[in-house]
Amino acid sequence: MNNNDIKKRFCDLLFYGEPLNEKQVKEFSNILETMNERNIHVPYEMISKKVFYCEENDLSRLISSAKESLDLVRNRNTDNLIYSTIRHLELSKIQNEFIVKKTSKAEKELEKIKKNSKKISKIKDSIYTDLITVLGVFTAISFAAFGGITSISGMFSGLNDKTPHIGFLLVCSGISFLLIYGVAVTLFVGINKLIKADNIYTFSKWFTILAIFIPIIFIGMGIFLICTQ
């Protein structure tokens, strides 16, 4: 057997996982003797790989079983190899525990960062939503107010001039008010969809009735005056 085969067989018997039988004990002892004669070092990388790939719950049992196997083949000629193996087993266990601990801590920190990122994202979305809402409401109110004032100014201007077209002005004012109200309603509904609100935007029942009924009265009065002139 070459050196690599000896190291591999050494690890196979070391981590056999069950008590070694008489034949296996003899083979293990011969391998240790050969390693001592050829000055073959303990295969630390193989031991570390086995320990690191072992499940955390099975690690203590694996190392305990390996130590029991080494106790079965202990002798003066191989004490140094056995001692080095046990020491590296313990070192690998400590390193594995450290890695697991650091990994667990890193995962918790990552989870914390993800939660904070989601909170920041929600706050950012909320700020955008509030800004859009404020601007939209301001635009709707400004448009409605400007349009209403313009209509009223035109109507009273007609009255001051004593023109015979009062009925026509009333009709135009009523229609203008309905159009302005329709635009305002469209703006508010559009803002509601833009901010992705879950609830459907609703208007006050009585306000809606008045907003439609009053312009209709104006239009009716205007038509009546036009017809009677």
C-alpha atoms as a PDB file:
ATOM      1  CA  MET A   1       0.000   0.000   0.000  1.00  0.00           C
ATOM      2  CA  ASN A   2       1.254   3.470  -0.812  1.00  0.00           C
ATOM      3  CA  ASN A   3       1.152   6.303   1.706  1.00  0.00           C
ATOM      4  CA  ASN A   4      -2.149   7.744   0.479  1.00  0.00           C
ATOM      5  CA  ASP A   5      -3.859   4.363   0.689  1.00  0.00           C
ATOM      6  CA  ILE A   6      -2.516   3.905   4.217  1.00  0.00           C
ATOM      7  CA  LYS A   7      -3.853   7.314   5.276  1.00  0.00           C
ATOM      8  CA  LYS A   8      -7.236   6.591   3.733  1.00  0.00           C
ATOM      9  CA  ARG A   9      -7.504   3.210   5.440  1.00  0.00           C
ATOM     10  CA  PHE A  10      -6.383   4.795   8.707  1.00  0.00           C
ATOM     11  CA  CYS A  11      -9.312   7.254   8.517  1.00  0.00           C
ATOM     12  CA  ASP A  12     -11.752   4.514   7.499  1.00  0.00           C
ATOM     13  CA  LEU A  13     -10.930   2.486  10.607  1.00  0.00           C
ATOM     14  CA  LEU A  14     -10.673   5.559  12.849  1.00  0.00           C
ATOM     15  CA  PHE A  15     -14.180   6.706  11.900  1.00  0.00           C
ATOM     16  CA  TYR A  16     -15.704   3.264  11.479  1.00  0.00           C
ATOM     17  CA  GLY A  17     -18.539   4.288  13.809  1.00  0.00           C
ATOM     18  CA  GLU A  18     -18.879   0.911  15.525  1.00  0.00           C
ATOM     19  CA  PRO A  19     -16.626  -1.117  17.847  1.00  0.00           C
ATOM     20  CA  LEU A  20     -13.815  -2.720  15.820  1.00  0.00           C
ATOM     21  CA  ASN A  21     -13.686  -6.492  15.662  1.00  0.00           C
ATOM     22  CA  GLU A  22     -10.496  -8.433  16.279  1.00  0.00           C
ATOM     23  CA  LYS A  23      -9.475  -8.458  12.626  1.00  0.00           C
ATOM     24  CA  GLN A  24     -10.022  -4.715  12.272  1.00  0.00           C
ATOM     25  CA  VAL A  25      -8.093  -4.004  15.482  1.00  0.00           C
ATOM     26  CA  LYS A  26      -5.134  -5.971  14.152  1.00  0.00           C
ATOM     27  CA  GLU A  27      -5.310  -4.162  10.791  1.00  0.00           C
ATOM     28  CA  PHE A  28      -5.522  -0.791  12.514  1.00  0.00           C
ATOM     29  CA  SER A  29      -2.528  -1.635  14.670  1.00  0.00           C
ATOM     30  CA  ASN A  30      -0.493  -2.701  11.629  1.00  0.00           C
ATOM     31  CA  ILE A  31      -1.381   0.533   9.822  1.00  0.00           C
ATOM     32  CA  LEU A  32      -0.173   2.587  12.784  1.00  0.00           C
ATOM     33  CA  GLU A  33       3.045   0.577  12.902  1.00  0.00           C
ATOM     34  CA  THR A  34       3.567   1.168   9.180  1.00  0.00           C
ATOM     35  CA  MET A  35       2.906   4.885   9.568  1.00  0.00           C
ATOM     36  CA  ASN A  36       5.437   5.027  12.377  1.00  0.00           C
ATOM     37  CA  GLU A  37       8.070   3.127  10.377  1.00  0.00           C
ATOM     38  CA  ARG A  38       7.598   5.216   7.231  1.00  0.00           C
ATOM     39  CA  ASN A  39       7.311   8.415   9.228  1.00  0.00           C
ATOM     40  CA  ILE A  40       3.859   9.096   7.762  1.00  0.00           C
ATOM     41  CA  HIS A  41       2.146  11.992   9.498  1.00  0.00           C
ATOM     42  CA  VAL A  42      -1.409  11.826  10.752  1.00  0.00           C
ATOM     43  CA  PRO A  43      -3.702  12.880   7.833  1.00  0.00           C
ATOM     44  CA  TYR A  44      -4.972  16.068   9.456  1.00  0.00           C
ATOM     45  CA  GLU A  45      -6.814  17.254   6.359  1.00  0.00           C
ATOM     46  CA  MET A  46      -8.801  14.002   6.124  1.00  0.00           C
ATOM     47  CA  ILE A  47      -9.660  14.106   9.825  1.00  0.00           C
ATOM     48  CA  SER A  48     -10.751  17.757   9.600  1.00  0.00           C
ATOM     49  CA  LYS A  49     -12.892  17.062   6.546  1.00  0.00           C
ATOM     50  CA  LYS A  50     -14.619  14.168   8.300  1.00  0.00           C
ATOM     51  CA  VAL A  51     -15.285  16.254  11.420  1.00  0.00           C
ATOM     52  CA  PHE A  52     -16.503  19.313   9.501  1.00  0.00           C
ATOM     53  CA  TYR A  53     -18.877  17.286   7.335  1.00  0.00           C
ATOM     54  CA  CYS A  54     -20.323  15.442  10.317  1.00  0.00           C
ATOM     55  CA  GLU A  55     -23.750  16.480  11.584  1.00  0.00           C
ATOM     56  CA  GLU A  56     -23.556  18.558  14.753  1.00  0.00           C
ATOM     57  CA  ASN A  57     -25.682  16.087  16.723  1.00  0.00           C
ATOM     58  CA  ASP A  58     -23.434  13.151  15.721  1.00  0.00           C
ATOM     59  CA  LEU A  59     -20.080  14.875  16.243  1.00  0.00           C
ATOM     60  CA  SER A  60     -19.552  13.937  19.901  1.00  0.00           C
ATOM     61  CA  ARG A  61     -20.427  10.302  19.205  1.00  0.00           C
ATOM     62  CA  LEU A  62     -18.064  10.218  16.213  1.00  0.00           C
ATOM     63  CA  ILE A  63     -15.096  11.537  18.202  1.00  0.00           C
ATOM     64  CA  SER A  64     -15.864   9.295  21.176  1.00  0.00           C
ATOM     65  CA  SER A  65     -15.972   6.243  18.892  1.00  0.00           C
ATOM     66  CA  ALA A  66     -12.653   7.272  17.276  1.00  0.00           C
ATOM     67  CA  LYS A  67     -10.980   7.582  20.681  1.00  0.00           C
ATOM     68  CA  GLU A  68     -12.232   4.135  21.690  1.00  0.00           C
ATOM     69  CA  SER A  69     -10.749   2.664  18.509  1.00  0.00           C
ATOM     70  CA  LEU A  70      -7.399   4.339  19.245  1.00  0.00           C
ATOM     71  CA  ASP A  71      -7.401   2.970  22.798  1.00  0.00           C
ATOM     72  CA  LEU A  72      -7.679  -0.549  21.383  1.00  0.00           C
ATOM     73  CA  VAL A  73      -4.422  -0.205  19.408  1.00  0.00           C
ATOM     74  CA  ARG A  74      -2.389   1.899  21.817  1.00  0.00           C
ATOM     75  CA  ASN A  75       1.250   0.854  22.350  1.00  0.00           C
ATOM     76  CA  ARG A  76       4.598   2.496  22.966  1.00  0.00           C
ATOM     77  CA  ASN A  77       5.624   2.625  19.326  1.00  0.00           C
ATOM     78  CA  THR A  78       2.491   4.415  18.176  1.00  0.00           C
ATOM     79  CA  ASP A  79       1.774   6.658  21.191  1.00  0.00           C
ATOM     80  CA  ASN A  80       2.899   9.771  19.326  1.00  0.00           C
ATOM     81  CA  LEU A  81       0.613   9.058  16.386  1.00  0.00           C
ATOM     82  CA  ILE A  82      -2.327   8.304  18.665  1.00  0.00           C
ATOM     83  CA  TYR A  83      -1.698  11.427  20.736  1.00  0.00           C
ATOM     84  CA  SER A  84      -1.463  13.572  17.597  1.00  0.00           C
ATOM     85  CA  THR A  85      -4.682  12.069  16.268  1.00  0.00           C
ATOM     86  CA  ILE A  86      -6.598  12.679  19.510  1.00  0.00           C
ATOM     87  CA  ARG A  87      -5.270  16.212  19.756  1.00  0.00           C
ATOM     88  CA  HIS A  88      -6.322  16.965  16.189  1.00  0.00           C
ATOM     89  CA  LEU A  89      -9.749  15.436  16.786  1.00  0.00           C
ATOM     90  CA  GLU A  90     -10.280  17.820  19.698  1.00  0.00           C
ATOM     91  CA  LEU A  91      -8.900  20.744  17.712  1.00  0.00           C
ATOM     92  CA  SER A  92     -11.161  19.972  14.756  1.00  0.00           C
ATOM     93  CA  LYS A  93     -14.141  19.738  17.098  1.00  0.00           C
ATOM     94  CA  ILE A  94     -13.356  23.173  18.583  1.00  0.00           C
ATOM     95  CA  GLN A  95     -12.873  24.661  15.114  1.00  0.00           C
ATOM     96  CA  ASN A  96     -16.140  23.146  13.929  1.00  0.00           C
ATOM     97  CA  GLU A  97     -18.018  24.525  16.949  1.00  0.00           C
ATOM     98  CA  PHE A  98     -16.474  27.941  16.328  1.00  0.00           C
ATOM     99  CA  ILE A  99     -17.468  27.869  12.649  1.00  0.00           C
ATOM    100  CA  VAL A 100     -21.016  26.756  13.497  1.00  0.00           C
ATOM    101  CA  LYS A 101     -21.312  29.494  16.111  1.00  0.00           C
ATOM    102  CA  LYS A 102     -20.017  32.178  13.752  1.00  0.00           C
ATOM    103  CA  THR A 103     -22.236  30.928  10.929  1.00  0.00           C
ATOM    104  CA  SER A 104     -25.288  30.956  13.185  1.00  0.00           C
ATOM    105  CA  LYS A 105     -24.452  34.476  14.341  1.00  0.00           C
ATOM    106  CA  ALA A 106     -23.955  35.621  10.739  1.00  0.00           C
ATOM    107  CA  GLU A 107     -27.317  34.118   9.727  1.00  0.00           C
ATOM    108  CA  LYS A 108     -29.043  35.937  12.598  1.00  0.00           C
ATOM    109  CA  GLU A 109     -27.378  39.205  11.616  1.00  0.00           C
ATOM    110  CA  LEU A 110     -28.382  38.641   7.991  1.00  0.00           C
ATOM    111  CA  GLU A 111     -31.975  37.977   9.045  1.00  0.00           C
ATOM    112  CA  LYS A 112     -31.915  41.138  11.143  1.00  0.00           C
ATOM    113  CA  ILE A 113     -30.582  43.131   8.179  1.00  0.00           C
ATOM    114  CA  LYS A 114     -33.332  41.710   5.955  1.00  0.00           C
ATOM    115  CA  LYS A 115     -36.010  42.736   8.475  1.00  0.00           C
ATOM    116  CA  ASN A 116     -34.543  46.244   8.767  1.00  0.00           C
ATOM    117  CA  SER A 117     -34.355  46.465   4.981  1.00  0.00           C
ATOM    118  CA  LYS A 118     -38.044  45.565   4.712  1.00  0.00           C
ATOM    119  CA  LYS A 119     -38.920  48.197   7.337  1.00  0.00           C
ATOM    120  CA  ILE A 120     -36.908  50.841   5.484  1.00  0.00           C
ATOM    121  CA  SER A 121     -38.566  49.842   2.212  1.00  0.00           C
ATOM    122  CA  LYS A 122     -42.021  50.157   3.797  1.00  0.00           C
ATOM    123  CA  ILE A 123     -41.139  53.580   5.237  1.00  0.00           C
ATOM    124  CA  LYS A 124     -39.845  54.710   1.834  1.00  0.00           C
ATOM    125  CA  ASP A 125     -43.003  53.488   0.097  1.00  0.00           C
ATOM    126  CA  SER A 126     -45.110  55.209   2.749  1.00  0.00           C
ATOM    127  CA  ILE A 127     -43.266  58.508   2.198  1.00  0.00           C
ATOM    128  CA  TYR A 128     -43.763  58.257  -1.574  1.00  0.00           C
ATOM    129  CA  THR A 129     -47.423  57.395  -1.063  1.00  0.00           C
ATOM    130  CA  ASP A 130     -48.016  60.307   1.304  1.00  0.00           C
ATOM    131  CA  LEU A 131     -46.210  62.703  -1.038  1.00  0.00           C
ATOM    132  CA  ILE A 132     -48.237  61.588  -4.043  1.00  0.00           C
ATOM    133  CA  THR A 133     -51.446  61.814  -2.015  1.00  0.00           C
ATOM    134  CA  VAL A 134     -50.705  65.324  -0.756  1.00  0.00           C
ATOM    135  CA  LEU A 135     -49.750  66.580  -4.218  1.00  0.00           C
ATOM    136  CA  GLY A 136     -52.771  64.921  -5.788  1.00  0.00           C
ATOM    137  CA  VAL A 137     -55.226  66.299  -3.244  1.00  0.00           C
ATOM    138  CA  PHE A 138     -53.675  69.752  -3.528  1.00  0.00           C
ATOM    139  CA  THR A 139     -53.951  69.615  -7.331  1.00  0.00           C
ATOM    140  CA  ALA A 140     -57.559  68.437  -7.203  1.00  0.00           C
ATOM    141  CA  ILE A 141     -58.590  71.103  -4.691  1.00  0.00           C
ATOM    142  CA  SER A 142     -56.722  73.843  -6.577  1.00  0.00           C
ATOM    143  CA  PHE A 143     -58.280  72.843  -9.875  1.00  0.00           C
ATOM    144  CA  ALA A 144     -61.772  72.630  -8.398  1.00  0.00           C
ATOM    145  CA  ALA A 145     -61.410  75.925  -6.525  1.00  0.00           C
ATOM    146  CA  PHE A 146     -60.001  77.759  -9.545  1.00  0.00           C
ATOM    147  CA  GLY A 147     -62.668  76.398 -11.844  1.00  0.00           C
ATOM    148  CA  GLY A 148     -65.447  77.181  -9.373  1.00  0.00           C
ATOM    149  CA  ILE A 149     -64.239  80.732  -8.787  1.00  0.00           C
ATOM    150  CA  THR A 150     -63.927  81.306 -12.526  1.00  0.00           C
ATOM    151  CA  SER A 151     -67.478  80.084 -13.119  1.00  0.00           C
ATOM    152  CA  ILE A 152     -68.927  82.186 -10.298  1.00  0.00           C
ATOM    153  CA  SER A 153     -66.969  85.250 -11.441  1.00  0.00           C
ATOM    154  CA  GLY A 154     -68.294  84.836 -14.956  1.00  0.00           C
ATOM    155  CA  MET A 155     -71.855  84.463 -13.683  1.00  0.00           C
ATOM    156  CA  PHE A 156     -71.727  87.575 -11.465  1.00  0.00           C
ATOM    157  CA  SER A 157     -69.952  89.503 -14.197  1.00  0.00           C
ATOM    158  CA  GLY A 158     -72.894  88.776 -16.408  1.00  0.00           C
ATOM    159  CA  LEU A 159     -75.280  89.990 -13.697  1.00  0.00           C
ATOM    160  CA  ASN A 160     -73.346  93.225 -13.174  1.00  0.00           C
ATOM    161  CA  ASP A 161     -73.365  93.948 -16.869  1.00  0.00           C
ATOM    162  CA  LYS A 162     -77.142  93.417 -16.901  1.00  0.00           C
ATOM    163  CA  THR A 163     -76.936  91.338 -20.028  1.00  0.00           C
ATOM    164  CA  PRO A 164     -79.974  89.334 -21.163  1.00  0.00           C
ATOM    165  CA  HIS A 165     -78.024  86.125 -20.990  1.00  0.00           C
ATOM    166  CA  ILE A 166     -78.408  85.307 -17.266  1.00  0.00           C
ATOM    167  CA  GLY A 167     -80.043  82.007 -18.124  1.00  0.00           C
ATOM    168  CA  PHE A 168     -77.171  81.089 -20.421  1.00  0.00           C
ATOM    169  CA  LEU A 169     -74.667  81.950 -17.663  1.00  0.00           C
ATOM    170  CA  LEU A 170     -76.525  79.764 -15.164  1.00  0.00           C
ATOM    171  CA  VAL A 171     -76.511  76.850 -17.599  1.00  0.00           C
ATOM    172  CA  CYS A 172     -72.794  77.292 -18.298  1.00  0.00           C
ATOM    173  CA  SER A 173     -72.008  77.579 -14.579  1.00  0.00           C
ATOM    174  CA  GLY A 174     -73.961  74.422 -13.760  1.00  0.00           C
ATOM    175  CA  ILE A 175     -72.299  72.458 -16.535  1.00  0.00           C
ATOM    176  CA  SER A 176     -68.873  73.810 -15.538  1.00  0.00           C
ATOM    177  CA  PHE A 177     -69.428  72.790 -11.920  1.00  0.00           C
ATOM    178  CA  LEU A 178     -70.421  69.269 -12.970  1.00  0.00           C
ATOM    179  CA  LEU A 179     -67.336  69.001 -15.167  1.00  0.00           C
ATOM    180  CA  ILE A 180     -65.080  70.285 -12.376  1.00  0.00           C
ATOM    181  CA  TYR A 181     -66.625  67.856  -9.904  1.00  0.00           C
ATOM    182  CA  GLY A 182     -66.143  65.018 -12.390  1.00  0.00           C
ATOM    183  CA  VAL A 183     -62.484  65.926 -12.864  1.00  0.00           C
ATOM    184  CA  ALA A 184     -61.959  66.120  -9.075  1.00  0.00           C
ATOM    185  CA  VAL A 185     -63.589  62.712  -8.609  1.00  0.00           C
ATOM    186  CA  THR A 186     -61.381  61.264 -11.343  1.00  0.00           C
ATOM    187  CA  LEU A 187     -58.271  62.739  -9.684  1.00  0.00           C
ATOM    188  CA  PHE A 188     -59.124  61.298  -6.273  1.00  0.00           C
ATOM    189  CA  VAL A 189     -59.894  57.848  -7.702  1.00  0.00           C
ATOM    190  CA  GLY A 190     -56.688  57.963  -9.746  1.00  0.00           C
ATOM    191  CA  ILE A 191     -54.650  58.889  -6.665  1.00  0.00           C
ATOM    192  CA  ASN A 192     -56.242  56.012  -4.777  1.00  0.00           C
ATOM    193  CA  LYS A 193     -55.177  53.566  -7.503  1.00  0.00           C
ATOM    194  CA  LEU A 194     -51.736  55.150  -7.804  1.00  0.00           C
ATOM    195  CA  ILE A 195     -50.939  54.590  -4.117  1.00  0.00           C
ATOM    196  CA  LYS A 196     -52.215  50.996  -4.488  1.00  0.00           C
ATOM    197  CA  ALA A 197     -54.764  51.321  -1.704  1.00  0.00           C
ATOM    198  CA  ASP A 198     -56.631  48.101  -0.939  1.00  0.00           C
ATOM    199  CA  ASN A 199     -59.974  49.795  -0.293  1.00  0.00           C
ATOM    200  CA  ILE A 200     -62.135  51.372  -2.988  1.00  0.00           C
ATOM    201  CA  TYR A 201     -62.247  55.161  -2.676  1.00  0.00           C
ATOM    202  CA  THR A 202     -65.751  56.257  -1.557  1.00  0.00           C
ATOM    203  CA  PHE A 203     -67.323  59.712  -1.468  1.00  0.00           C
ATOM    204  CA  SER A 204     -69.814  61.119   1.014  1.00  0.00           C
ATOM    205  CA  LYS A 205     -73.339  60.255  -0.091  1.00  0.00           C
ATOM    206  CA  TRP A 206     -74.888  63.622   0.812  1.00  0.00           C
ATOM    207  CA  PHE A 207     -71.972  65.611  -0.599  1.00  0.00           C
ATOM    208  CA  THR A 208     -72.314  63.775  -3.896  1.00  0.00           C
ATOM    209  CA  ILE A 209     -76.063  64.399  -3.994  1.00  0.00           C
ATOM    210  CA  LEU A 210     -75.600  68.130  -3.324  1.00  0.00           C
ATOM    211  CA  ALA A 211     -72.690  68.404  -5.785  1.00  0.00           C
ATOM    212  CA  ILE A 212     -74.934  67.019  -8.532  1.00  0.00           C
ATOM    213  CA  PHE A 213     -78.296  68.453  -7.445  1.00  0.00           C
ATOM    214  CA  ILE A 214     -77.217  72.128  -7.142  1.00  0.00           C
ATOM    215  CA  PRO A 215     -75.701  72.364 -10.667  1.00  0.00           C
ATOM    216  CA  ILE A 216     -78.839  70.689 -12.042  1.00  0.00           C
ATOM    217  CA  ILE A 217     -80.934  73.402 -10.351  1.00  0.00           C
ATOM    218  CA  PHE A 218     -78.700  76.046 -11.930  1.00  0.00           C
ATOM    219  CA  ILE A 219     -79.072  74.417 -15.334  1.00  0.00           C
ATOM    220  CA  GLY A 220     -82.849  74.120 -14.892  1.00  0.00           C
ATOM    221  CA  MET A 221     -83.168  77.757 -13.828  1.00  0.00           C
ATOM    222  CA  GLY A 222     -80.986  78.826 -16.734  1.00  0.00           C
ATOM    223  CA  ILE A 223     -83.066  76.898 -19.257  1.00  0.00           C
ATOM    224  CA  PHE A 224     -86.242  78.329 -17.734  1.00  0.00           C
ATOM    225  CA  LEU A 225     -84.916  81.903 -18.002  1.00  0.00           C
ATOM    226  CA  ILE A 226     -83.769  81.345 -21.582  1.00  0.00           C
ATOM    227  CA  CYS A 227     -87.164  79.995 -22.552  1.00  0.00           C
ATOM    228  CA  THR A 228     -89.039  82.869 -20.903  1.00  0.00           C
ATOM    229  CA  GLN A 229     -86.936  85.644 -22.430  1.00  0.00           C
END
